[in-house]
């Protein structure tokens, strides 16, 4: 499912000119694989990995507010922890 999702996002960006932002919510155990697959199949897509301690996530929040990314990869747990921040972003698509 990972490669199909990356292909869909790449299609939306390259053909339909829908650059996101896209929110992808995955289990923590698969997060590194998603990062690797984006790097392999679609390196031009700007991805942010939203995880880490409170301070790290807070600093990532500044990048999110700037809107200078295409895809945010995170886990269910971080969605719950940071719902106030993440709910302020107008996501084009959310993939679970």
PDB file of N, CA and C in Angstrom:
ATOM      1  N   UNK A   1       0.811  -1.201   0.000  1.00  0.00           N
ATOM      2  CA  UNK A   1       0.000   0.000   0.000  1.00  0.00           C
ATOM      3  C   UNK A   1       0.857   1.269   0.000  1.00  0.00           C
ATOM      4  N   UNK A   2       2.055   1.158   0.521  1.00  0.00           N
ATOM      5  CA  UNK A   2       2.932   2.327   0.614  1.00  0.00           C
ATOM      6  C   UNK A   2       3.246   2.907  -0.763  1.00  0.00           C
ATOM      7  N   UNK A   3       3.680   2.065  -1.682  1.00  0.00           N
ATOM      8  CA  UNK A   3       4.084   2.550  -3.002  1.00  0.00           C
ATOM      9  C   UNK A   3       2.884   3.089  -3.775  1.00  0.00           C
ATOM     10  N   UNK A   4       1.719   2.456  -3.624  1.00  0.00           N
ATOM     11  CA  UNK A   4       0.519   2.945  -4.301  1.00  0.00           C
ATOM     12  C   UNK A   4       0.142   4.337  -3.796  1.00  0.00           C
ATOM     13  N   UNK A   5       0.261   4.543  -2.497  1.00  0.00           N
ATOM     14  CA  UNK A   5      -0.060   5.846  -1.915  1.00  0.00           C
ATOM     15  C   UNK A   5       0.921   6.905  -2.402  1.00  0.00           C
ATOM     16  N   UNK A   6       2.196   6.565  -2.433  1.00  0.00           N
ATOM     17  CA  UNK A   6       3.208   7.503  -2.922  1.00  0.00           C
ATOM     18  C   UNK A   6       2.956   7.826  -4.394  1.00  0.00           C
ATOM     19  N   UNK A   7       2.589   6.829  -5.176  1.00  0.00           N
ATOM     20  CA  UNK A   7       2.279   7.050  -6.590  1.00  0.00           C
ATOM     21  C   UNK A   7       1.078   7.978  -6.744  1.00  0.00           C
ATOM     22  N   UNK A   8       0.063   7.796  -5.919  1.00  0.00           N
ATOM     23  CA  UNK A   8      -1.115   8.661  -5.968  1.00  0.00           C
ATOM     24  C   UNK A   8      -0.740  10.104  -5.642  1.00  0.00           C
ATOM     25  N   UNK A   9       0.012  10.302  -4.580  1.00  0.00           N
ATOM     26  CA  UNK A   9       0.414  11.658  -4.198  1.00  0.00           C
ATOM     27  C   UNK A   9       1.274  12.293  -5.288  1.00  0.00           C
ATOM     28  N   UNK A  10       2.188  11.533  -5.856  1.00  0.00           N
ATOM     29  CA  UNK A  10       3.033  12.042  -6.933  1.00  0.00           C
ATOM     30  C   UNK A  10       2.183  12.427  -8.142  1.00  0.00           C
ATOM     31  N   UNK A  11       1.206  11.592  -8.479  1.00  0.00           N
ATOM     32  CA  UNK A  11       0.282  11.901  -9.578  1.00  0.00           C
ATOM     33  C   UNK A  11      -0.480  13.188  -9.296  1.00  0.00           C
ATOM     34  N   UNK A  12      -1.034  13.306  -8.090  1.00  0.00           N
ATOM     35  CA  UNK A  12      -1.792  14.511  -7.739  1.00  0.00           C
ATOM     36  C   UNK A  12      -0.925  15.760  -7.837  1.00  0.00           C
ATOM     37  N   UNK A  13       0.324  15.632  -7.443  1.00  0.00           N
ATOM     38  CA  UNK A  13       1.221  16.788  -7.487  1.00  0.00           C
ATOM     39  C   UNK A  13       1.673  17.119  -8.912  1.00  0.00           C
ATOM     40  N   UNK A  14       2.082  16.106  -9.660  1.00  0.00           N
ATOM     41  CA  UNK A  14       2.665  16.352 -10.978  1.00  0.00           C
ATOM     42  C   UNK A  14       1.623  16.597 -12.065  1.00  0.00           C
ATOM     43  N   UNK A  15       0.524  15.859 -12.031  1.00  0.00           N
ATOM     44  CA  UNK A  15      -0.472  15.961 -13.094  1.00  0.00           C
ATOM     45  C   UNK A  15      -1.585  16.941 -12.732  1.00  0.00           C
ATOM     46  N   UNK A  16      -2.113  16.812 -11.534  1.00  0.00           N
ATOM     47  CA  UNK A  16      -3.238  17.652 -11.114  1.00  0.00           C
ATOM     48  C   UNK A  16      -2.809  18.956 -10.446  1.00  0.00           C
ATOM     49  N   UNK A  17      -1.524  19.087 -10.167  1.00  0.00           N
ATOM     50  CA  UNK A  17      -0.960  20.287  -9.526  1.00  0.00           C
ATOM     51  C   UNK A  17      -1.566  20.561  -8.149  1.00  0.00           C
ATOM     52  N   UNK A  18      -1.879  19.481  -7.429  1.00  0.00           N
ATOM     53  CA  UNK A  18      -2.381  19.564  -6.054  1.00  0.00           C
ATOM     54  C   UNK A  18      -1.207  19.214  -5.143  1.00  0.00           C
ATOM     55  N   UNK A  19      -0.547  20.224  -4.624  1.00  0.00           N
ATOM     56  CA  UNK A  19       0.703  20.019  -3.895  1.00  0.00           C
ATOM     57  C   UNK A  19       0.540  19.748  -2.413  1.00  0.00           C
ATOM     58  N   UNK A  20      -0.662  19.571  -1.968  1.00  0.00           N
ATOM     59  CA  UNK A  20      -0.884  19.239  -0.564  1.00  0.00           C
ATOM     60  C   UNK A  20      -1.345  20.432   0.230  1.00  0.00           C
ATOM     61  N   UNK A  21      -1.228  20.323   1.511  1.00  0.00           N
ATOM     62  CA  UNK A  21      -0.505  19.305   2.260  1.00  0.00           C
ATOM     63  C   UNK A  21      -1.299  18.015   2.431  1.00  0.00           C
ATOM     64  N   UNK A  22      -0.573  16.925   2.502  1.00  0.00           N
ATOM     65  CA  UNK A  22      -1.135  15.598   2.711  1.00  0.00           C
ATOM     66  C   UNK A  22      -0.705  15.100   4.083  1.00  0.00           C
ATOM     67  N   UNK A  23      -1.639  14.527   4.806  1.00  0.00           N
ATOM     68  CA  UNK A  23      -1.350  13.953   6.120  1.00  0.00           C
ATOM     69  C   UNK A  23      -1.424  12.441   6.003  1.00  0.00           C
ATOM     70  N   UNK A  24      -0.346  11.760   6.348  1.00  0.00           N
ATOM     71  CA  UNK A  24      -0.314  10.302   6.320  1.00  0.00           C
ATOM     72  C   UNK A  24      -0.076   9.817   7.742  1.00  0.00           C
ATOM     73  N   UNK A  25      -1.031   9.039   8.248  1.00  0.00           N
ATOM     74  CA  UNK A  25      -0.979   8.527   9.619  1.00  0.00           C
ATOM     75  C   UNK A  25      -0.701   7.035   9.551  1.00  0.00           C
ATOM     76  N   UNK A  26       0.412   6.626  10.159  1.00  0.00           N
ATOM     77  CA  UNK A  26       0.847   5.230  10.078  1.00  0.00           C
ATOM     78  C   UNK A  26       1.275   4.732  11.455  1.00  0.00           C
ATOM     79  N   UNK A  27       1.339   3.419  11.641  1.00  0.00           N
ATOM     80  CA  UNK A  27       1.898   2.899  12.891  1.00  0.00           C
ATOM     81  C   UNK A  27       3.380   3.273  13.006  1.00  0.00           C
ATOM     82  N   UNK A  28       3.838   3.493  14.220  1.00  0.00           N
ATOM     83  CA  UNK A  28       5.234   3.865  14.461  1.00  0.00           C
ATOM     84  C   UNK A  28       6.200   2.857  13.845  1.00  0.00           C
ATOM     85  N   UNK A  29       5.842   1.586  13.881  1.00  0.00           N
ATOM     86  CA  UNK A  29       6.732   0.540  13.363  1.00  0.00           C
ATOM     87  C   UNK A  29       6.952   0.638  11.853  1.00  0.00           C
ATOM     88  N   UNK A  30       6.097   1.370  11.140  1.00  0.00           N
ATOM     89  CA  UNK A  30       6.244   1.495   9.685  1.00  0.00           C
ATOM     90  C   UNK A  30       6.726   2.877   9.244  1.00  0.00           C
ATOM     91  N   UNK A  31       6.880   3.788  10.172  1.00  0.00           N
ATOM     92  CA  UNK A  31       7.230   5.170   9.832  1.00  0.00           C
ATOM     93  C   UNK A  31       8.555   5.261   9.067  1.00  0.00           C
ATOM     94  N   UNK A  32       9.576   4.577   9.523  1.00  0.00           N
ATOM     95  CA  UNK A  32      10.881   4.611   8.845  1.00  0.00           C
ATOM     96  C   UNK A  32      10.775   4.068   7.422  1.00  0.00           C
ATOM     97  N   UNK A  33       9.976   3.032   7.222  1.00  0.00           N
ATOM     98  CA  UNK A  33       9.791   2.479   5.887  1.00  0.00           C
ATOM     99  C   UNK A  33       9.143   3.506   4.953  1.00  0.00           C
ATOM    100  N   UNK A  34       8.144   4.226   5.458  1.00  0.00           N
ATOM    101  CA  UNK A  34       7.507   5.269   4.646  1.00  0.00           C
ATOM    102  C   UNK A  34       8.523   6.323   4.221  1.00  0.00           C
ATOM    103  N   UNK A  35       9.349   6.749   5.143  1.00  0.00           N
ATOM    104  CA  UNK A  35      10.378   7.747   4.837  1.00  0.00           C
ATOM    105  C   UNK A  35      11.311   7.211   3.751  1.00  0.00           C
ATOM    106  N   UNK A  36      11.758   5.980   3.898  1.00  0.00           N
ATOM    107  CA  UNK A  36      12.651   5.365   2.904  1.00  0.00           C
ATOM    108  C   UNK A  36      11.991   5.260   1.538  1.00  0.00           C
ATOM    109  N   UNK A  37      10.730   4.862   1.518  1.00  0.00           N
ATOM    110  CA  UNK A  37      10.021   4.690   0.242  1.00  0.00           C
ATOM    111  C   UNK A  37       9.787   6.028  -0.456  1.00  0.00           C
ATOM    112  N   UNK A  38       9.449   7.071   0.292  1.00  0.00           N
ATOM    113  CA  UNK A  38       9.319   8.398  -0.327  1.00  0.00           C
ATOM    114  C   UNK A  38      10.656   8.819  -0.926  1.00  0.00           C
ATOM    115  N   UNK A  39      11.740   8.593  -0.200  1.00  0.00           N
ATOM    116  CA  UNK A  39      13.065   8.935  -0.710  1.00  0.00           C
ATOM    117  C   UNK A  39      13.429   8.169  -1.966  1.00  0.00           C
ATOM    118  N   UNK A  40      12.989   6.932  -2.031  1.00  0.00           N
ATOM    119  CA  UNK A  40      13.308   6.070  -3.170  1.00  0.00           C
ATOM    120  C   UNK A  40      12.448   6.389  -4.393  1.00  0.00           C
ATOM    121  N   UNK A  41      11.127   6.511  -4.199  1.00  0.00           N
ATOM    122  CA  UNK A  41      10.198   6.606  -5.315  1.00  0.00           C
ATOM    123  C   UNK A  41       9.803   8.033  -5.692  1.00  0.00           C
ATOM    124  N   UNK A  42       9.903   8.950  -4.753  1.00  0.00           N
ATOM    125  CA  UNK A  42       9.479  10.318  -5.045  1.00  0.00           C
ATOM    126  C   UNK A  42      10.295  11.318  -4.222  1.00  0.00           C
ATOM    127  N   UNK A  43      11.582  11.400  -4.495  1.00  0.00           N
ATOM    128  CA  UNK A  43      12.454  12.251  -3.671  1.00  0.00           C
ATOM    129  C   UNK A  43      12.141  13.746  -3.759  1.00  0.00           C
ATOM    130  N   UNK A  44      11.418  14.169  -4.789  1.00  0.00           N
ATOM    131  CA  UNK A  44      11.085  15.592  -4.923  1.00  0.00           C
ATOM    132  C   UNK A  44       9.973  16.025  -3.972  1.00  0.00           C
ATOM    133  N   UNK A  45       9.257  15.065  -3.405  1.00  0.00           N
ATOM    134  CA  UNK A  45       8.177  15.394  -2.470  1.00  0.00           C
ATOM    135  C   UNK A  45       8.798  15.797  -1.134  1.00  0.00           C
ATOM    136  N   UNK A  46       8.431  16.976  -0.675  1.00  0.00           N
ATOM    137  CA  UNK A  46       8.945  17.480   0.600  1.00  0.00           C
ATOM    138  C   UNK A  46       8.159  16.841   1.746  1.00  0.00           C
ATOM    139  N   UNK A  47       8.832  16.004   2.521  1.00  0.00           N
ATOM    140  CA  UNK A  47       8.172  15.297   3.620  1.00  0.00           C
ATOM    141  C   UNK A  47       8.709  15.764   4.963  1.00  0.00           C
ATOM    142  N   UNK A  48       7.805  15.774   5.939  1.00  0.00           N
ATOM    143  CA  UNK A  48       8.168  16.064   7.324  1.00  0.00           C
ATOM    144  C   UNK A  48       7.781  14.851   8.149  1.00  0.00           C
ATOM    145  N   UNK A  49       8.679  14.414   8.997  1.00  0.00           N
ATOM    146  CA  UNK A  49       8.391  13.324   9.933  1.00  0.00           C
ATOM    147  C   UNK A  49       8.060  13.980  11.261  1.00  0.00           C
ATOM    148  N   UNK A  50       6.793  13.847  11.673  1.00  0.00           N
ATOM    149  CA  UNK A  50       6.315  14.497  12.892  1.00  0.00           C
ATOM    150  C   UNK A  50       6.339  13.492  14.023  1.00  0.00           C
ATOM    151  N   UNK A  51       7.442  13.505  14.776  1.00  0.00           N
ATOM    152  CA  UNK A  51       7.587  12.641  15.941  1.00  0.00           C
ATOM    153  C   UNK A  51       8.678  13.226  16.818  1.00  0.00           C
ATOM    154  N   UNK A  52       8.834  12.662  17.998  1.00  0.00           N
ATOM    155  CA  UNK A  52       9.867  13.137  18.906  1.00  0.00           C
ATOM    156  C   UNK A  52       9.270  13.709  20.179  1.00  0.00           C
ATOM    157  N   UNK A  53      10.134  14.290  21.002  1.00  0.00           N
ATOM    158  CA  UNK A  53       9.646  14.846  22.264  1.00  0.00           C
ATOM    159  C   UNK A  53       8.888  16.154  22.020  1.00  0.00           C
ATOM    160  N   UNK A  54       8.325  16.697  23.075  1.00  0.00           N
ATOM    161  CA  UNK A  54       7.494  17.897  22.966  1.00  0.00           C
ATOM    162  C   UNK A  54       8.248  19.050  22.315  1.00  0.00           C
ATOM    163  N   UNK A  55       9.488  19.250  22.688  1.00  0.00           N
ATOM    164  CA  UNK A  55      10.286  20.357  22.142  1.00  0.00           C
ATOM    165  C   UNK A  55      10.518  20.191  20.639  1.00  0.00           C
ATOM    166  N   UNK A  56      10.837  18.986  20.221  1.00  0.00           N
ATOM    167  CA  UNK A  56      11.060  18.728  18.791  1.00  0.00           C
ATOM    168  C   UNK A  56       9.784  18.976  18.003  1.00  0.00           C
ATOM    169  N   UNK A  57       8.660  18.462  18.509  1.00  0.00           N
ATOM    170  CA  UNK A  57       7.389  18.649  17.804  1.00  0.00           C
ATOM    171  C   UNK A  57       6.978  20.121  17.779  1.00  0.00           C
ATOM    172  N   UNK A  58       7.289  20.838  18.837  1.00  0.00           N
ATOM    173  CA  UNK A  58       6.971  22.269  18.870  1.00  0.00           C
ATOM    174  C   UNK A  58       7.752  23.009  17.785  1.00  0.00           C
ATOM    175  N   UNK A  59       9.021  22.685  17.624  1.00  0.00           N
ATOM    176  CA  UNK A  59       9.818  23.337  16.578  1.00  0.00           C
ATOM    177  C   UNK A  59       9.339  22.933  15.183  1.00  0.00           C
ATOM    178  N   UNK A  60       8.886  21.705  15.031  1.00  0.00           N
ATOM    179  CA  UNK A  60       8.313  21.282  13.749  1.00  0.00           C
ATOM    180  C   UNK A  60       7.035  22.056  13.442  1.00  0.00           C
ATOM    181  N   UNK A  61       6.335  22.458  14.494  1.00  0.00           N
ATOM    182  CA  UNK A  61       5.111  23.240  14.321  1.00  0.00           C
ATOM    183  C   UNK A  61       5.348  24.520  13.545  1.00  0.00           C
ATOM    184  N   UNK A  62       6.497  25.150  13.731  1.00  0.00           N
ATOM    185  CA  UNK A  62       6.829  26.366  12.979  1.00  0.00           C
ATOM    186  C   UNK A  62       6.945  26.064  11.484  1.00  0.00           C
ATOM    187  N   UNK A  63       7.544  24.943  11.153  1.00  0.00           N
ATOM    188  CA  UNK A  63       7.650  24.540   9.747  1.00  0.00           C
ATOM    189  C   UNK A  63       6.272  24.259   9.171  1.00  0.00           C
ATOM    190  N   UNK A  64       5.419  23.615   9.961  1.00  0.00           N
ATOM    191  CA  UNK A  64       4.069  23.322   9.499  1.00  0.00           C
ATOM    192  C   UNK A  64       3.307  24.606   9.204  1.00  0.00           C
ATOM    193  N   UNK A  65       3.437  25.573  10.073  1.00  0.00           N
ATOM    194  CA  UNK A  65       2.732  26.848   9.885  1.00  0.00           C
ATOM    195  C   UNK A  65       3.201  27.570   8.629  1.00  0.00           C
ATOM    196  N   UNK A  66       4.445  27.372   8.250  1.00  0.00           N
ATOM    197  CA  UNK A  66       4.969  28.023   7.046  1.00  0.00           C
ATOM    198  C   UNK A  66       4.363  27.421   5.778  1.00  0.00           C
ATOM    199  N   UNK A  67       3.912  26.165   5.871  1.00  0.00           N
ATOM    200  CA  UNK A  67       3.312  25.501   4.719  1.00  0.00           C
ATOM    201  C   UNK A  67       4.310  25.052   3.673  1.00  0.00           C
ATOM    202  N   UNK A  68       5.585  25.025   4.004  1.00  0.00           N
ATOM    203  CA  UNK A  68       6.618  24.673   3.029  1.00  0.00           C
ATOM    204  C   UNK A  68       6.936  23.182   3.064  1.00  0.00           C
ATOM    205  N   UNK A  69       5.914  22.385   2.839  1.00  0.00           N
ATOM    206  CA  UNK A  69       6.069  20.937   2.782  1.00  0.00           C
ATOM    207  C   UNK A  69       4.891  20.377   2.000  1.00  0.00           C
ATOM    208  N   UNK A  70       5.035  19.134   1.544  1.00  0.00           N
ATOM    209  CA  UNK A  70       3.948  18.471   0.830  1.00  0.00           C
ATOM    210  C   UNK A  70       3.270  17.411   1.676  1.00  0.00           C
ATOM    211  N   UNK A  71       4.066  16.628   2.405  1.00  0.00           N
ATOM    212  CA  UNK A  71       3.548  15.467   3.138  1.00  0.00           C
ATOM    213  C   UNK A  71       4.031  15.510   4.583  1.00  0.00           C
ATOM    214  N   UNK A  72       3.109  15.257   5.492  1.00  0.00           N
ATOM    215  CA  UNK A  72       3.465  15.074   6.900  1.00  0.00           C
ATOM    216  C   UNK A  72       3.216  13.617   7.248  1.00  0.00           C
ATOM    217  N   UNK A  73       4.260  12.934   7.688  1.00  0.00           N
ATOM    218  CA  UNK A  73       4.165  11.544   8.139  1.00  0.00           C
ATOM    219  C   UNK A  73       4.181  11.534   9.658  1.00  0.00           C
ATOM    220  N   UNK A  74       3.198  10.885  10.255  1.00  0.00           N
ATOM    221  CA  UNK A  74       3.152  10.802  11.707  1.00  0.00           C
ATOM    222  C   UNK A  74       2.395   9.552  12.131  1.00  0.00           C
ATOM    223  N   UNK A  75       2.230   9.411  13.447  1.00  0.00           N
ATOM    224  CA  UNK A  75       1.555   8.237  13.999  1.00  0.00           C
ATOM    225  C   UNK A  75       0.254   8.642  14.673  1.00  0.00           C
ATOM    226  N   UNK A  76      -0.552   7.632  14.985  1.00  0.00           N
ATOM    227  CA  UNK A  76      -1.822   7.860  15.673  1.00  0.00           C
ATOM    228  C   UNK A  76      -1.594   8.598  16.988  1.00  0.00           C
ATOM    229  N   UNK A  77      -0.571   8.194  17.710  1.00  0.00           N
ATOM    230  CA  UNK A  77      -0.297   8.766  19.032  1.00  0.00           C
ATOM    231  C   UNK A  77       0.011  10.260  18.951  1.00  0.00           C
ATOM    232  N   UNK A  78       0.791  10.662  17.967  1.00  0.00           N
ATOM    233  CA  UNK A  78       1.133  12.081  17.839  1.00  0.00           C
ATOM    234  C   UNK A  78      -0.054  12.904  17.350  1.00  0.00           C
ATOM    235  N   UNK A  79      -0.942  12.292  16.600  1.00  0.00           N
ATOM    236  CA  UNK A  79      -2.172  12.988  16.200  1.00  0.00           C
ATOM    237  C   UNK A  79      -2.964  13.360  17.453  1.00  0.00           C
ATOM    238  N   UNK A  80      -3.093  12.428  18.378  1.00  0.00           N
ATOM    239  CA  UNK A  80      -3.824  12.679  19.621  1.00  0.00           C
ATOM    240  C   UNK A  80      -3.098  13.722  20.469  1.00  0.00           C
ATOM    241  N   UNK A  81      -1.795  13.579  20.622  1.00  0.00           N
ATOM    242  CA  UNK A  81      -1.021  14.504  21.463  1.00  0.00           C
ATOM    243  C   UNK A  81      -1.043  15.937  20.942  1.00  0.00           C
ATOM    244  N   UNK A  82      -1.024  16.096  19.632  1.00  0.00           N
ATOM    245  CA  UNK A  82      -0.899  17.426  19.034  1.00  0.00           C
ATOM    246  C   UNK A  82      -2.092  17.800  18.159  1.00  0.00           C
ATOM    247  N   UNK A  83      -3.270  17.335  18.549  1.00  0.00           N
ATOM    248  CA  UNK A  83      -4.454  17.607  17.726  1.00  0.00           C
ATOM    249  C   UNK A  83      -4.746  19.096  17.607  1.00  0.00           C
ATOM    250  N   UNK A  84      -4.437  19.889  18.636  1.00  0.00           N
ATOM    251  CA  UNK A  84      -4.685  21.331  18.561  1.00  0.00           C
ATOM    252  C   UNK A  84      -3.876  21.965  17.426  1.00  0.00           C
ATOM    253  N   UNK A  85      -2.626  21.599  17.307  1.00  0.00           N
ATOM    254  CA  UNK A  85      -1.768  22.130  16.246  1.00  0.00           C
ATOM    255  C   UNK A  85      -2.159  21.563  14.886  1.00  0.00           C
ATOM    256  N   UNK A  86      -2.294  20.257  14.805  1.00  0.00           N
ATOM    257  CA  UNK A  86      -2.525  19.603  13.514  1.00  0.00           C
ATOM    258  C   UNK A  86      -3.908  19.889  12.941  1.00  0.00           C
ATOM    259  N   UNK A  87      -4.874  20.186  13.789  1.00  0.00           N
ATOM    260  CA  UNK A  87      -6.225  20.474  13.295  1.00  0.00           C
ATOM    261  C   UNK A  87      -6.327  21.862  12.666  1.00  0.00           C
ATOM    262  N   UNK A  88      -5.333  22.706  12.850  1.00  0.00           N
ATOM    263  CA  UNK A  88      -5.345  24.051  12.265  1.00  0.00           C
ATOM    264  C   UNK A  88      -4.908  24.058  10.805  1.00  0.00           C
ATOM    265  N   UNK A  89      -4.351  22.961  10.361  1.00  0.00           N
ATOM    266  CA  UNK A  89      -3.854  22.873   8.985  1.00  0.00           C
ATOM    267  C   UNK A  89      -4.977  22.375   8.083  1.00  0.00           C
ATOM    268  N   UNK A  90      -5.120  23.012   6.936  1.00  0.00           N
ATOM    269  CA  UNK A  90      -6.142  22.597   5.977  1.00  0.00           C
ATOM    270  C   UNK A  90      -5.541  21.520   5.063  1.00  0.00           C
ATOM    271  N   UNK A  91      -5.732  20.268   5.469  1.00  0.00           N
ATOM    272  CA  UNK A  91      -5.170  19.138   4.730  1.00  0.00           C
ATOM    273  C   UNK A  91      -5.954  18.927   3.441  1.00  0.00           C
ATOM    274  N   UNK A  92      -5.245  18.672   2.342  1.00  0.00           N
ATOM    275  CA  UNK A  92      -5.918  18.335   1.081  1.00  0.00           C
ATOM    276  C   UNK A  92      -6.458  16.910   1.148  1.00  0.00           C
ATOM    277  N   UNK A  93      -5.612  16.002   1.653  1.00  0.00           N
ATOM    278  CA  UNK A  93      -6.020  14.611   1.830  1.00  0.00           C
ATOM    279  C   UNK A  93      -5.376  14.070   3.087  1.00  0.00           C
ATOM    280  N   UNK A  94      -6.091  13.157   3.714  1.00  0.00           N
ATOM    281  CA  UNK A  94      -5.604  12.482   4.909  1.00  0.00           C
ATOM    282  C   UNK A  94      -5.646  10.988   4.618  1.00  0.00           C
ATOM    283  N   UNK A  95      -4.546  10.307   4.827  1.00  0.00           N
ATOM    284  CA  UNK A  95      -4.445   8.883   4.517  1.00  0.00           C
ATOM    285  C   UNK A  95      -4.109   8.139   5.792  1.00  0.00           C
ATOM    286  N   UNK A  96      -4.939   7.159   6.111  1.00  0.00           N
ATOM    287  CA  UNK A  96      -4.749   6.377   7.341  1.00  0.00           C
ATOM    288  C   UNK A  96      -4.501   4.931   6.968  1.00  0.00           C
TER     289      UNK A  96
END
